[in-house]
N, C-alpha and C. Protein backbone atom coordinates (compact mmCIF):
# COMPACT_ATOMS: atom_id res chain seq x y z
N MET A 1 -33.27 5.17 42.58
CA MET A 1 -32.15 4.91 43.49
C MET A 1 -31.03 4.23 42.72
N ARG A 2 -29.79 4.68 43.00
CA ARG A 2 -28.63 4.07 42.39
C ARG A 2 -28.23 2.79 43.13
N ALA A 3 -27.53 1.89 42.40
CA ALA A 3 -27.08 0.64 43.02
C ALA A 3 -26.15 0.90 44.19
N ILE A 4 -25.30 1.94 44.06
CA ILE A 4 -24.36 2.25 45.13
C ILE A 4 -25.08 2.69 46.40
N ASP A 5 -26.25 3.35 46.24
CA ASP A 5 -27.03 3.76 47.40
C ASP A 5 -27.63 2.56 48.12
N ALA A 6 -27.83 1.48 47.36
CA ALA A 6 -28.38 0.26 47.95
C ALA A 6 -27.28 -0.68 48.44
N GLY A 7 -26.02 -0.24 48.33
CA GLY A 7 -24.90 -1.06 48.79
C GLY A 7 -24.57 -2.20 47.86
N ILE A 8 -24.78 -2.01 46.55
CA ILE A 8 -24.53 -3.05 45.57
C ILE A 8 -23.42 -2.59 44.63
N LEU A 9 -22.44 -3.45 44.41
CA LEU A 9 -21.34 -3.19 43.50
C LEU A 9 -21.42 -4.16 42.34
N ILE A 10 -21.13 -3.68 41.13
CA ILE A 10 -21.15 -4.54 39.96
C ILE A 10 -19.73 -4.87 39.54
N CYS A 11 -19.49 -6.11 39.22
CA CYS A 11 -18.17 -6.54 38.78
C CYS A 11 -17.93 -6.08 37.35
N GLY A 12 -16.79 -5.47 37.10
CA GLY A 12 -16.47 -5.01 35.76
C GLY A 12 -16.09 -6.11 34.81
N GLU A 13 -15.82 -7.32 35.34
CA GLU A 13 -15.40 -8.44 34.50
C GLU A 13 -16.56 -9.33 34.09
N CYS A 14 -17.35 -9.77 35.08
CA CYS A 14 -18.45 -10.72 34.78
C CYS A 14 -19.82 -10.12 35.03
N HIS A 15 -19.87 -8.86 35.51
CA HIS A 15 -21.12 -8.12 35.76
C HIS A 15 -21.99 -8.74 36.86
N GLU A 16 -21.36 -9.47 37.75
CA GLU A 16 -22.07 -10.02 38.90
C GLU A 16 -22.35 -8.89 39.90
N LEU A 17 -23.53 -8.92 40.50
CA LEU A 17 -23.88 -7.95 41.53
C LEU A 17 -23.39 -8.46 42.88
N ASN A 18 -22.66 -7.60 43.58
CA ASN A 18 -22.08 -7.97 44.86
C ASN A 18 -22.55 -7.01 45.95
N ARG A 19 -22.88 -7.57 47.10
CA ARG A 19 -23.25 -6.73 48.24
C ARG A 19 -22.00 -6.08 48.80
N GLN A 20 -22.02 -4.76 48.95
CA GLN A 20 -20.85 -4.02 49.40
C GLN A 20 -20.53 -4.32 50.86
N ASP A 21 -19.24 -4.58 51.11
CA ASP A 21 -18.77 -4.83 52.46
C ASP A 21 -18.08 -3.57 52.97
N PRO A 22 -18.70 -2.82 53.88
CA PRO A 22 -18.12 -1.55 54.34
C PRO A 22 -16.85 -1.73 55.17
N GLU A 23 -16.54 -2.96 55.58
CA GLU A 23 -15.39 -3.19 56.44
C GLU A 23 -14.11 -3.51 55.67
N THR A 24 -14.18 -3.57 54.34
CA THR A 24 -12.99 -3.88 53.55
C THR A 24 -12.78 -2.83 52.48
N ASP A 25 -11.51 -2.51 52.21
CA ASP A 25 -11.18 -1.53 51.19
C ASP A 25 -11.11 -2.16 49.80
N GLU A 26 -10.67 -3.40 49.74
CA GLU A 26 -10.56 -4.11 48.46
C GLU A 26 -11.48 -5.32 48.50
N GLN A 27 -12.53 -5.26 47.74
CA GLN A 27 -13.52 -6.33 47.74
C GLN A 27 -13.44 -7.09 46.42
N SER A 28 -13.55 -8.42 46.51
CA SER A 28 -13.48 -9.27 45.33
C SER A 28 -14.86 -9.76 44.93
N CYS A 29 -15.01 -10.02 43.65
CA CYS A 29 -16.28 -10.52 43.13
C CYS A 29 -16.52 -11.94 43.64
N THR A 30 -17.74 -12.21 44.03
CA THR A 30 -18.07 -13.53 44.55
C THR A 30 -18.09 -14.59 43.46
N ARG A 31 -18.16 -14.17 42.20
CA ARG A 31 -18.21 -15.13 41.10
C ARG A 31 -16.84 -15.39 40.49
N CYS A 32 -16.16 -14.30 40.05
CA CYS A 32 -14.90 -14.49 39.31
C CYS A 32 -13.66 -14.10 40.11
N GLY A 33 -13.84 -13.45 41.24
CA GLY A 33 -12.70 -13.10 42.09
C GLY A 33 -12.02 -11.80 41.72
N ALA A 34 -12.51 -11.09 40.70
CA ALA A 34 -11.89 -9.81 40.32
C ALA A 34 -12.24 -8.73 41.34
N LEU A 35 -11.38 -7.73 41.43
CA LEU A 35 -11.65 -6.62 42.34
C LEU A 35 -12.84 -5.81 41.84
N VAL A 36 -13.71 -5.45 42.75
CA VAL A 36 -14.88 -4.64 42.40
C VAL A 36 -14.77 -3.30 43.09
N HIS A 37 -15.23 -2.27 42.38
CA HIS A 37 -15.18 -0.91 42.91
C HIS A 37 -16.52 -0.25 42.67
N ALA A 38 -16.84 0.68 43.55
CA ALA A 38 -18.07 1.44 43.35
C ALA A 38 -17.98 2.24 42.06
N ARG A 39 -16.82 2.80 41.79
CA ARG A 39 -16.53 3.52 40.55
C ARG A 39 -15.12 3.15 40.12
N ARG A 40 -14.85 3.23 38.83
CA ARG A 40 -13.52 2.91 38.34
C ARG A 40 -12.50 3.83 38.99
N PRO A 41 -11.44 3.29 39.57
CA PRO A 41 -10.44 4.12 40.26
C PRO A 41 -9.79 5.13 39.31
N ASP A 42 -9.73 6.38 39.73
CA ASP A 42 -9.05 7.45 38.98
C ASP A 42 -9.56 7.55 37.55
N SER A 43 -10.86 7.34 37.36
CA SER A 43 -11.43 7.34 36.01
C SER A 43 -11.22 8.67 35.31
N LEU A 44 -11.55 9.77 35.97
CA LEU A 44 -11.44 11.08 35.34
C LEU A 44 -9.98 11.44 35.03
N MET A 45 -9.09 11.16 35.96
CA MET A 45 -7.68 11.50 35.76
C MET A 45 -7.08 10.71 34.60
N ARG A 46 -7.39 9.41 34.53
CA ARG A 46 -6.87 8.59 33.44
C ARG A 46 -7.46 9.01 32.10
N THR A 47 -8.74 9.33 32.09
CA THR A 47 -9.37 9.75 30.85
C THR A 47 -8.78 11.07 30.36
N TRP A 48 -8.57 12.02 31.29
CA TRP A 48 -7.95 13.29 30.92
C TRP A 48 -6.55 13.06 30.35
N ALA A 49 -5.77 12.18 30.98
CA ALA A 49 -4.41 11.92 30.53
C ALA A 49 -4.40 11.35 29.11
N LEU A 50 -5.28 10.40 28.86
CA LEU A 50 -5.36 9.80 27.52
C LEU A 50 -5.86 10.81 26.49
N LEU A 51 -6.84 11.62 26.92
CA LEU A 51 -7.40 12.60 26.00
C LEU A 51 -6.38 13.67 25.63
N LEU A 52 -5.65 14.18 26.61
CA LEU A 52 -4.65 15.22 26.34
C LEU A 52 -3.52 14.68 25.47
N THR A 53 -3.12 13.43 25.72
CA THR A 53 -2.07 12.82 24.89
C THR A 53 -2.53 12.68 23.45
N SER A 54 -3.77 12.23 23.27
CA SER A 54 -4.30 12.08 21.91
C SER A 54 -4.46 13.44 21.23
N ALA A 55 -4.82 14.49 22.00
CA ALA A 55 -4.96 15.83 21.43
C ALA A 55 -3.60 16.35 20.97
N ILE A 56 -2.55 16.05 21.73
CA ILE A 56 -1.20 16.47 21.34
C ILE A 56 -0.77 15.75 20.06
N LEU A 57 -1.04 14.44 19.99
CA LEU A 57 -0.66 13.66 18.82
C LEU A 57 -1.51 14.00 17.61
N TYR A 58 -2.68 14.59 17.86
CA TYR A 58 -3.57 14.95 16.75
C TYR A 58 -2.95 16.04 15.88
N ILE A 59 -2.06 16.84 16.47
CA ILE A 59 -1.39 17.91 15.70
C ILE A 59 -0.45 17.32 14.65
N PRO A 60 0.53 16.46 15.05
CA PRO A 60 1.38 15.87 14.00
C PRO A 60 0.60 14.93 13.09
N ALA A 61 -0.48 14.35 13.58
CA ALA A 61 -1.28 13.47 12.73
C ALA A 61 -1.86 14.23 11.54
N ASN A 62 -2.12 15.53 11.73
CA ASN A 62 -2.67 16.34 10.66
C ASN A 62 -1.60 17.10 9.89
N LEU A 63 -0.46 17.37 10.54
CA LEU A 63 0.59 18.14 9.87
C LEU A 63 1.58 17.25 9.11
N LEU A 64 1.85 16.06 9.64
CA LEU A 64 2.78 15.16 8.96
C LEU A 64 2.09 14.46 7.79
N PRO A 65 2.85 14.10 6.77
CA PRO A 65 2.26 13.36 5.65
C PRO A 65 1.69 12.02 6.11
N ILE A 66 0.49 11.71 5.66
CA ILE A 66 -0.15 10.45 6.04
C ILE A 66 0.01 9.40 4.96
N MET A 67 0.13 9.86 3.71
CA MET A 67 0.36 8.91 2.62
C MET A 67 0.89 9.62 1.40
N THR A 68 1.48 8.84 0.50
CA THR A 68 2.01 9.36 -0.76
C THR A 68 1.35 8.63 -1.91
N VAL A 69 0.70 9.38 -2.78
CA VAL A 69 0.05 8.82 -3.96
C VAL A 69 0.94 9.09 -5.16
N ASN A 70 1.49 8.03 -5.75
CA ASN A 70 2.36 8.16 -6.91
C ASN A 70 1.60 7.78 -8.18
N SER A 71 1.69 8.62 -9.18
CA SER A 71 1.03 8.37 -10.46
C SER A 71 2.00 8.68 -11.59
N LEU A 72 2.27 7.67 -12.41
CA LEU A 72 3.20 7.82 -13.54
C LEU A 72 4.57 8.28 -13.08
N GLY A 73 4.98 7.73 -11.95
CA GLY A 73 6.31 8.03 -11.42
C GLY A 73 6.41 9.34 -10.69
N GLN A 74 5.32 10.09 -10.57
CA GLN A 74 5.35 11.36 -9.88
C GLN A 74 4.40 11.34 -8.69
N GLY A 75 4.82 11.99 -7.62
CA GLY A 75 3.99 12.04 -6.42
C GLY A 75 4.77 12.65 -5.27
N SER A 76 4.05 13.16 -4.30
CA SER A 76 4.69 13.76 -3.13
C SER A 76 3.87 13.42 -1.90
N PRO A 77 4.52 13.38 -0.73
CA PRO A 77 3.77 13.09 0.51
C PRO A 77 2.67 14.12 0.75
N SER A 78 1.56 13.65 1.28
CA SER A 78 0.42 14.56 1.51
C SER A 78 -0.16 14.32 2.90
N THR A 79 -0.69 15.39 3.47
CA THR A 79 -1.36 15.30 4.76
C THR A 79 -2.75 14.71 4.56
N ILE A 80 -3.52 14.62 5.66
CA ILE A 80 -4.85 14.03 5.55
C ILE A 80 -5.72 14.81 4.57
N MET A 81 -5.79 16.14 4.76
CA MET A 81 -6.64 16.94 3.87
C MET A 81 -6.10 16.93 2.45
N ALA A 82 -4.79 17.04 2.31
CA ALA A 82 -4.20 17.00 0.97
C ALA A 82 -4.46 15.64 0.32
N GLY A 83 -4.42 14.59 1.13
CA GLY A 83 -4.70 13.26 0.60
C GLY A 83 -6.13 13.13 0.14
N VAL A 84 -7.05 13.73 0.90
CA VAL A 84 -8.46 13.70 0.49
C VAL A 84 -8.64 14.41 -0.84
N ILE A 85 -8.02 15.58 -0.97
CA ILE A 85 -8.11 16.35 -2.21
C ILE A 85 -7.50 15.58 -3.38
N GLU A 86 -6.38 14.93 -3.11
CA GLU A 86 -5.71 14.18 -4.17
C GLU A 86 -6.53 12.97 -4.59
N LEU A 87 -7.17 12.32 -3.64
CA LEU A 87 -8.04 11.19 -3.99
C LEU A 87 -9.20 11.66 -4.87
N VAL A 88 -9.74 12.83 -4.55
CA VAL A 88 -10.83 13.39 -5.36
C VAL A 88 -10.33 13.67 -6.77
N GLN A 89 -9.13 14.23 -6.87
CA GLN A 89 -8.56 14.54 -8.18
C GLN A 89 -8.32 13.29 -9.02
N HIS A 90 -8.08 12.17 -8.35
CA HIS A 90 -7.86 10.90 -9.06
C HIS A 90 -9.17 10.15 -9.28
N GLY A 91 -10.28 10.79 -8.95
CA GLY A 91 -11.58 10.18 -9.20
C GLY A 91 -12.04 9.19 -8.15
N MET A 92 -11.32 9.10 -7.02
CA MET A 92 -11.71 8.17 -5.95
C MET A 92 -12.54 8.91 -4.90
N ILE A 93 -13.68 9.44 -5.34
CA ILE A 93 -14.51 10.28 -4.48
C ILE A 93 -15.08 9.51 -3.29
N PRO A 94 -15.62 8.28 -3.47
CA PRO A 94 -16.14 7.54 -2.30
C PRO A 94 -15.07 7.29 -1.25
N ILE A 95 -13.87 6.92 -1.70
CA ILE A 95 -12.77 6.67 -0.77
C ILE A 95 -12.37 7.98 -0.08
N ALA A 96 -12.36 9.08 -0.83
CA ALA A 96 -12.03 10.38 -0.25
C ALA A 96 -13.04 10.77 0.82
N ALA A 97 -14.31 10.49 0.57
CA ALA A 97 -15.35 10.81 1.56
C ALA A 97 -15.17 9.99 2.83
N VAL A 98 -14.84 8.71 2.67
CA VAL A 98 -14.62 7.84 3.83
C VAL A 98 -13.43 8.33 4.64
N VAL A 99 -12.34 8.67 3.96
CA VAL A 99 -11.14 9.15 4.65
C VAL A 99 -11.42 10.47 5.37
N PHE A 100 -12.18 11.37 4.72
CA PHE A 100 -12.49 12.67 5.34
C PHE A 100 -13.32 12.49 6.60
N VAL A 101 -14.38 11.69 6.51
CA VAL A 101 -15.24 11.49 7.68
C VAL A 101 -14.49 10.79 8.80
N ALA A 102 -13.78 9.71 8.45
CA ALA A 102 -13.09 8.92 9.48
C ALA A 102 -11.86 9.63 10.03
N SER A 103 -11.19 10.45 9.20
CA SER A 103 -9.93 11.06 9.63
C SER A 103 -10.10 12.45 10.22
N ILE A 104 -11.13 13.18 9.80
CA ILE A 104 -11.31 14.56 10.25
C ILE A 104 -12.50 14.69 11.20
N LEU A 105 -13.67 14.29 10.74
CA LEU A 105 -14.88 14.52 11.51
C LEU A 105 -14.95 13.66 12.78
N VAL A 106 -14.74 12.36 12.62
CA VAL A 106 -14.88 11.44 13.76
C VAL A 106 -13.87 11.73 14.87
N PRO A 107 -12.56 11.83 14.57
CA PRO A 107 -11.60 12.12 15.66
C PRO A 107 -11.87 13.44 16.35
N THR A 108 -12.23 14.47 15.56
CA THR A 108 -12.51 15.78 16.15
C THR A 108 -13.72 15.70 17.08
N PHE A 109 -14.76 15.02 16.63
CA PHE A 109 -15.95 14.89 17.47
C PHE A 109 -15.64 14.12 18.75
N LYS A 110 -14.83 13.07 18.64
CA LYS A 110 -14.49 12.29 19.82
C LYS A 110 -13.69 13.10 20.82
N LEU A 111 -12.72 13.86 20.34
CA LEU A 111 -11.91 14.68 21.24
C LEU A 111 -12.77 15.73 21.94
N VAL A 112 -13.59 16.42 21.16
CA VAL A 112 -14.44 17.47 21.73
C VAL A 112 -15.50 16.85 22.63
N GLY A 113 -16.09 15.74 22.20
CA GLY A 113 -17.16 15.10 22.97
C GLY A 113 -16.69 14.58 24.32
N ILE A 114 -15.55 13.89 24.34
CA ILE A 114 -15.03 13.37 25.60
C ILE A 114 -14.62 14.51 26.53
N ALA A 115 -14.00 15.55 25.96
CA ALA A 115 -13.62 16.72 26.77
C ALA A 115 -14.86 17.39 27.37
N LEU A 116 -15.92 17.48 26.59
CA LEU A 116 -17.16 18.08 27.08
C LEU A 116 -17.77 17.25 28.20
N LEU A 117 -17.73 15.93 28.04
CA LEU A 117 -18.25 15.04 29.08
C LEU A 117 -17.46 15.22 30.38
N LEU A 118 -16.15 15.21 30.27
CA LEU A 118 -15.31 15.35 31.46
C LEU A 118 -15.54 16.70 32.14
N PHE A 119 -15.59 17.75 31.34
CA PHE A 119 -15.78 19.09 31.89
C PHE A 119 -17.14 19.23 32.55
N SER A 120 -18.18 18.69 31.90
CA SER A 120 -19.53 18.82 32.45
C SER A 120 -19.69 18.02 33.74
N VAL A 121 -19.01 16.87 33.82
CA VAL A 121 -19.10 16.05 35.03
C VAL A 121 -18.34 16.71 36.19
N GLN A 122 -17.15 17.23 35.89
CA GLN A 122 -16.34 17.81 36.95
C GLN A 122 -16.85 19.17 37.40
N ARG A 123 -17.34 19.96 36.45
CA ARG A 123 -17.76 21.33 36.76
C ARG A 123 -19.27 21.46 36.95
N ARG A 124 -19.98 20.33 36.83
CA ARG A 124 -21.44 20.34 36.97
C ARG A 124 -22.09 21.39 36.08
N GLN A 125 -21.75 21.34 34.81
CA GLN A 125 -22.30 22.28 33.85
C GLN A 125 -23.75 21.94 33.55
N PRO A 126 -24.51 22.93 33.05
CA PRO A 126 -25.94 22.71 32.79
C PRO A 126 -26.18 21.82 31.57
N LEU A 127 -25.80 20.56 31.70
CA LEU A 127 -26.03 19.56 30.67
C LEU A 127 -26.68 18.37 31.34
N SER A 128 -27.87 17.99 30.89
CA SER A 128 -28.62 16.96 31.59
C SER A 128 -27.92 15.61 31.48
N ALA A 129 -28.21 14.73 32.43
CA ALA A 129 -27.62 13.40 32.41
C ALA A 129 -28.03 12.63 31.16
N ARG A 130 -29.26 12.87 30.71
CA ARG A 130 -29.72 12.19 29.49
C ARG A 130 -28.89 12.63 28.29
N GLN A 131 -28.59 13.90 28.18
CA GLN A 131 -27.77 14.40 27.08
C GLN A 131 -26.36 13.84 27.17
N ARG A 132 -25.83 13.78 28.38
CA ARG A 132 -24.48 13.25 28.56
C ARG A 132 -24.39 11.78 28.18
N ILE A 133 -25.36 10.99 28.59
CA ILE A 133 -25.30 9.55 28.32
C ILE A 133 -25.51 9.26 26.84
N ILE A 134 -26.34 10.07 26.16
CA ILE A 134 -26.52 9.91 24.72
C ILE A 134 -25.21 10.22 24.00
N MET A 135 -24.55 11.29 24.43
CA MET A 135 -23.26 11.65 23.85
C MET A 135 -22.23 10.55 24.08
N TYR A 136 -22.20 10.01 25.31
CA TYR A 136 -21.24 8.96 25.63
C TYR A 136 -21.49 7.71 24.78
N ARG A 137 -22.74 7.32 24.64
CA ARG A 137 -23.06 6.13 23.85
C ARG A 137 -22.69 6.32 22.39
N PHE A 138 -22.90 7.54 21.88
CA PHE A 138 -22.54 7.80 20.49
C PHE A 138 -21.04 7.76 20.30
N ILE A 139 -20.29 8.35 21.24
CA ILE A 139 -18.83 8.30 21.16
C ILE A 139 -18.34 6.86 21.23
N GLU A 140 -18.95 6.07 22.10
CA GLU A 140 -18.56 4.66 22.22
C GLU A 140 -18.90 3.90 20.95
N PHE A 141 -20.02 4.26 20.31
CA PHE A 141 -20.45 3.58 19.09
C PHE A 141 -19.51 3.87 17.93
N ILE A 142 -19.16 5.13 17.72
CA ILE A 142 -18.31 5.47 16.58
C ILE A 142 -16.86 5.07 16.81
N GLY A 143 -16.54 4.73 18.06
CA GLY A 143 -15.17 4.31 18.36
C GLY A 143 -14.76 3.08 17.59
N ARG A 144 -15.71 2.18 17.35
CA ARG A 144 -15.39 0.95 16.63
C ARG A 144 -15.08 1.20 15.15
N TRP A 145 -15.48 2.38 14.64
CA TRP A 145 -15.23 2.71 13.24
C TRP A 145 -14.03 3.64 13.09
N SER A 146 -13.37 3.96 14.18
CA SER A 146 -12.29 4.95 14.13
C SER A 146 -11.09 4.48 13.32
N MET A 147 -10.88 3.17 13.25
CA MET A 147 -9.72 2.66 12.52
C MET A 147 -10.03 2.43 11.05
N LEU A 148 -11.22 2.83 10.61
CA LEU A 148 -11.63 2.56 9.23
C LEU A 148 -10.68 3.20 8.23
N ASP A 149 -10.30 4.45 8.47
CA ASP A 149 -9.42 5.12 7.51
C ASP A 149 -8.04 4.50 7.48
N ILE A 150 -7.56 4.02 8.64
CA ILE A 150 -6.26 3.32 8.66
C ILE A 150 -6.35 2.03 7.85
N PHE A 151 -7.48 1.33 7.97
CA PHE A 151 -7.68 0.13 7.17
C PHE A 151 -7.74 0.47 5.68
N VAL A 152 -8.38 1.60 5.37
CA VAL A 152 -8.46 2.03 3.97
C VAL A 152 -7.07 2.29 3.41
N ILE A 153 -6.25 3.00 4.18
CA ILE A 153 -4.88 3.28 3.74
C ILE A 153 -4.10 1.98 3.57
N ALA A 154 -4.27 1.06 4.53
CA ALA A 154 -3.56 -0.22 4.45
C ALA A 154 -3.98 -1.00 3.20
N ILE A 155 -5.28 -0.97 2.89
CA ILE A 155 -5.78 -1.67 1.70
C ILE A 155 -5.25 -1.00 0.43
N LEU A 156 -5.26 0.36 0.42
CA LEU A 156 -4.76 1.08 -0.74
C LEU A 156 -3.29 0.79 -0.98
N VAL A 157 -2.51 0.74 0.10
CA VAL A 157 -1.08 0.45 -0.03
C VAL A 157 -0.86 -0.94 -0.63
N ALA A 158 -1.71 -1.90 -0.20
CA ALA A 158 -1.56 -3.27 -0.69
C ALA A 158 -2.10 -3.46 -2.10
N VAL A 159 -3.21 -2.77 -2.41
CA VAL A 159 -3.87 -3.00 -3.70
C VAL A 159 -3.30 -2.12 -4.81
N VAL A 160 -3.15 -0.82 -4.51
CA VAL A 160 -2.66 0.11 -5.53
C VAL A 160 -1.14 0.08 -5.55
N ASN A 161 -0.61 -0.89 -6.23
CA ASN A 161 0.85 -1.05 -6.32
C ASN A 161 1.19 -1.54 -7.73
N PHE A 162 1.24 -0.58 -8.64
CA PHE A 162 1.50 -0.90 -10.04
C PHE A 162 2.82 -0.29 -10.51
N GLY A 163 3.79 -0.28 -9.63
CA GLY A 163 5.11 0.24 -9.98
C GLY A 163 5.07 1.72 -10.26
N ARG A 164 5.62 2.13 -11.41
CA ARG A 164 5.68 3.55 -11.76
C ARG A 164 4.34 4.07 -12.26
N ILE A 165 3.43 3.19 -12.59
CA ILE A 165 2.12 3.63 -13.09
C ILE A 165 1.32 4.26 -11.96
N ALA A 166 1.17 3.55 -10.86
CA ALA A 166 0.41 4.06 -9.71
C ALA A 166 0.77 3.26 -8.47
N SER A 167 0.95 3.96 -7.37
CA SER A 167 1.22 3.31 -6.09
C SER A 167 0.90 4.27 -4.96
N ILE A 168 0.64 3.69 -3.78
CA ILE A 168 0.33 4.49 -2.59
C ILE A 168 1.18 3.98 -1.43
N GLU A 169 1.81 4.92 -0.71
CA GLU A 169 2.66 4.57 0.42
C GLU A 169 2.15 5.26 1.69
N ALA A 170 2.24 4.56 2.81
CA ALA A 170 1.87 5.14 4.11
C ALA A 170 3.06 5.90 4.68
N ASN A 171 2.79 7.01 5.38
CA ASN A 171 3.84 7.83 5.97
C ASN A 171 3.66 7.95 7.49
N LEU A 172 4.52 8.76 8.12
CA LEU A 172 4.52 8.87 9.58
C LEU A 172 3.21 9.43 10.13
N GLY A 173 2.52 10.24 9.35
CA GLY A 173 1.25 10.79 9.81
C GLY A 173 0.23 9.71 10.12
N ALA A 174 0.32 8.59 9.38
CA ALA A 174 -0.59 7.48 9.62
C ALA A 174 -0.34 6.85 10.99
N VAL A 175 0.93 6.79 11.38
CA VAL A 175 1.28 6.24 12.69
C VAL A 175 0.75 7.14 13.80
N ALA A 176 0.95 8.45 13.63
CA ALA A 176 0.45 9.40 14.63
C ALA A 176 -1.06 9.35 14.72
N PHE A 177 -1.72 9.25 13.58
CA PHE A 177 -3.17 9.22 13.58
C PHE A 177 -3.69 7.93 14.21
N ALA A 178 -3.04 6.80 13.92
CA ALA A 178 -3.44 5.53 14.54
C ALA A 178 -3.30 5.61 16.05
N SER A 179 -2.27 6.30 16.52
CA SER A 179 -2.09 6.48 17.97
C SER A 179 -3.22 7.31 18.55
N VAL A 180 -3.64 8.35 17.82
CA VAL A 180 -4.76 9.18 18.28
C VAL A 180 -6.02 8.33 18.41
N VAL A 181 -6.27 7.50 17.42
CA VAL A 181 -7.46 6.65 17.42
C VAL A 181 -7.46 5.71 18.62
N VAL A 182 -6.32 5.04 18.83
CA VAL A 182 -6.22 4.09 19.94
C VAL A 182 -6.40 4.79 21.28
N LEU A 183 -5.78 5.95 21.45
CA LEU A 183 -5.85 6.68 22.72
C LEU A 183 -7.26 7.18 23.00
N THR A 184 -7.97 7.66 21.96
CA THR A 184 -9.35 8.11 22.19
C THR A 184 -10.27 6.94 22.50
N MET A 185 -10.01 5.79 21.92
CA MET A 185 -10.80 4.60 22.25
C MET A 185 -10.56 4.20 23.70
N LEU A 186 -9.31 4.26 24.15
CA LEU A 186 -8.99 3.94 25.54
C LEU A 186 -9.59 4.97 26.48
N ALA A 187 -9.62 6.24 26.06
CA ALA A 187 -10.22 7.29 26.89
C ALA A 187 -11.71 7.03 27.10
N ALA A 188 -12.39 6.59 26.04
CA ALA A 188 -13.81 6.28 26.16
C ALA A 188 -14.04 5.08 27.08
N VAL A 189 -13.09 4.13 27.07
CA VAL A 189 -13.22 2.94 27.91
C VAL A 189 -12.95 3.28 29.38
N THR A 190 -11.96 4.12 29.65
CA THR A 190 -11.60 4.42 31.04
C THR A 190 -12.61 5.36 31.71
N PHE A 191 -13.35 6.12 30.91
CA PHE A 191 -14.36 6.99 31.49
C PHE A 191 -15.50 6.16 32.05
N ASP A 192 -15.84 6.40 33.31
CA ASP A 192 -16.91 5.65 33.97
C ASP A 192 -18.22 6.42 33.78
N PRO A 193 -19.15 5.89 32.95
CA PRO A 193 -20.40 6.62 32.69
C PRO A 193 -21.28 6.77 33.92
N ARG A 194 -21.03 5.97 34.96
CA ARG A 194 -21.82 6.11 36.18
C ARG A 194 -21.58 7.44 36.87
N LEU A 195 -20.43 8.06 36.55
CA LEU A 195 -20.14 9.38 37.11
C LEU A 195 -21.13 10.42 36.60
N ILE A 196 -21.72 10.15 35.45
CA ILE A 196 -22.72 11.07 34.90
C ILE A 196 -23.90 11.19 35.85
N TRP A 197 -24.35 10.04 36.35
CA TRP A 197 -25.51 10.04 37.23
C TRP A 197 -25.14 10.52 38.64
N ASP A 198 -23.88 10.32 39.03
CA ASP A 198 -23.44 10.83 40.33
C ASP A 198 -23.49 12.35 40.37
N ASN A 199 -23.31 12.97 39.22
CA ASN A 199 -23.27 14.43 39.16
C ASN A 199 -24.59 15.04 38.73
N THR A 200 -25.64 14.23 38.74
CA THR A 200 -26.96 14.74 38.38
C THR A 200 -27.59 15.40 39.59
N GLU A 201 -27.94 16.66 39.42
CA GLU A 201 -28.50 17.40 40.54
C GLU A 201 -30.01 17.43 40.53
N SER A 202 -30.60 17.10 39.38
CA SER A 202 -32.05 17.17 39.27
C SER A 202 -32.65 15.81 39.04
N ASP A 203 -33.75 15.52 39.69
CA ASP A 203 -34.41 14.25 39.49
C ASP A 203 -35.02 14.13 38.12
N ASP A 204 -35.16 15.25 37.43
CA ASP A 204 -35.74 15.21 36.08
C ASP A 204 -34.84 14.46 35.12
N ASP A 205 -33.53 14.39 35.44
CA ASP A 205 -32.58 13.72 34.56
C ASP A 205 -32.79 12.22 34.56
N HIS A 206 -33.45 11.70 35.58
CA HIS A 206 -33.65 10.25 35.66
C HIS A 206 -34.94 9.81 35.01
N GLU A 207 -35.76 10.73 34.58
CA GLU A 207 -37.04 10.39 34.02
C GLU A 207 -36.87 9.87 32.59
């Protein structure tokens, strides 16, 4: 049985359990006074809006130069993939691997994963609640590492600064990519995972 079936609402701020009052539209938490809802208001709509915005920004994030690696006074702006290749050519293979995973694999997985969750919840696709919640937890887990490549670029810009010998500069692509990261993190936060169980049609999903 779900908590909502038992007339219990959980506070999103302090996690206090509150008995639902059917006579009021806006109920406050008995502990902290915050508004409590059976489900986050407009969760799917807000998540879709954030996801679509991040998907749009993901295009310039990959097409615009993200950084410029200068060596011996020569260098040109490079995109994420070009930057990865250039880092490999300069012998920075571990850094290139980190940038590739954090900049290409993780954002793509998050965009596809959140979209799949939203679609499966709204369209009741044949995806079990257990599979959905595992996917959601994984997306939420990798979200904390999404800014790793931005931190790497920031560190490279600060550390690799030897004038005409070698230097690294951040470009507009880094701004677009940082926006994608922030928006996907917000999308994961606004999505209410309880909707997964609301859309479960089989009792086998609760086992």
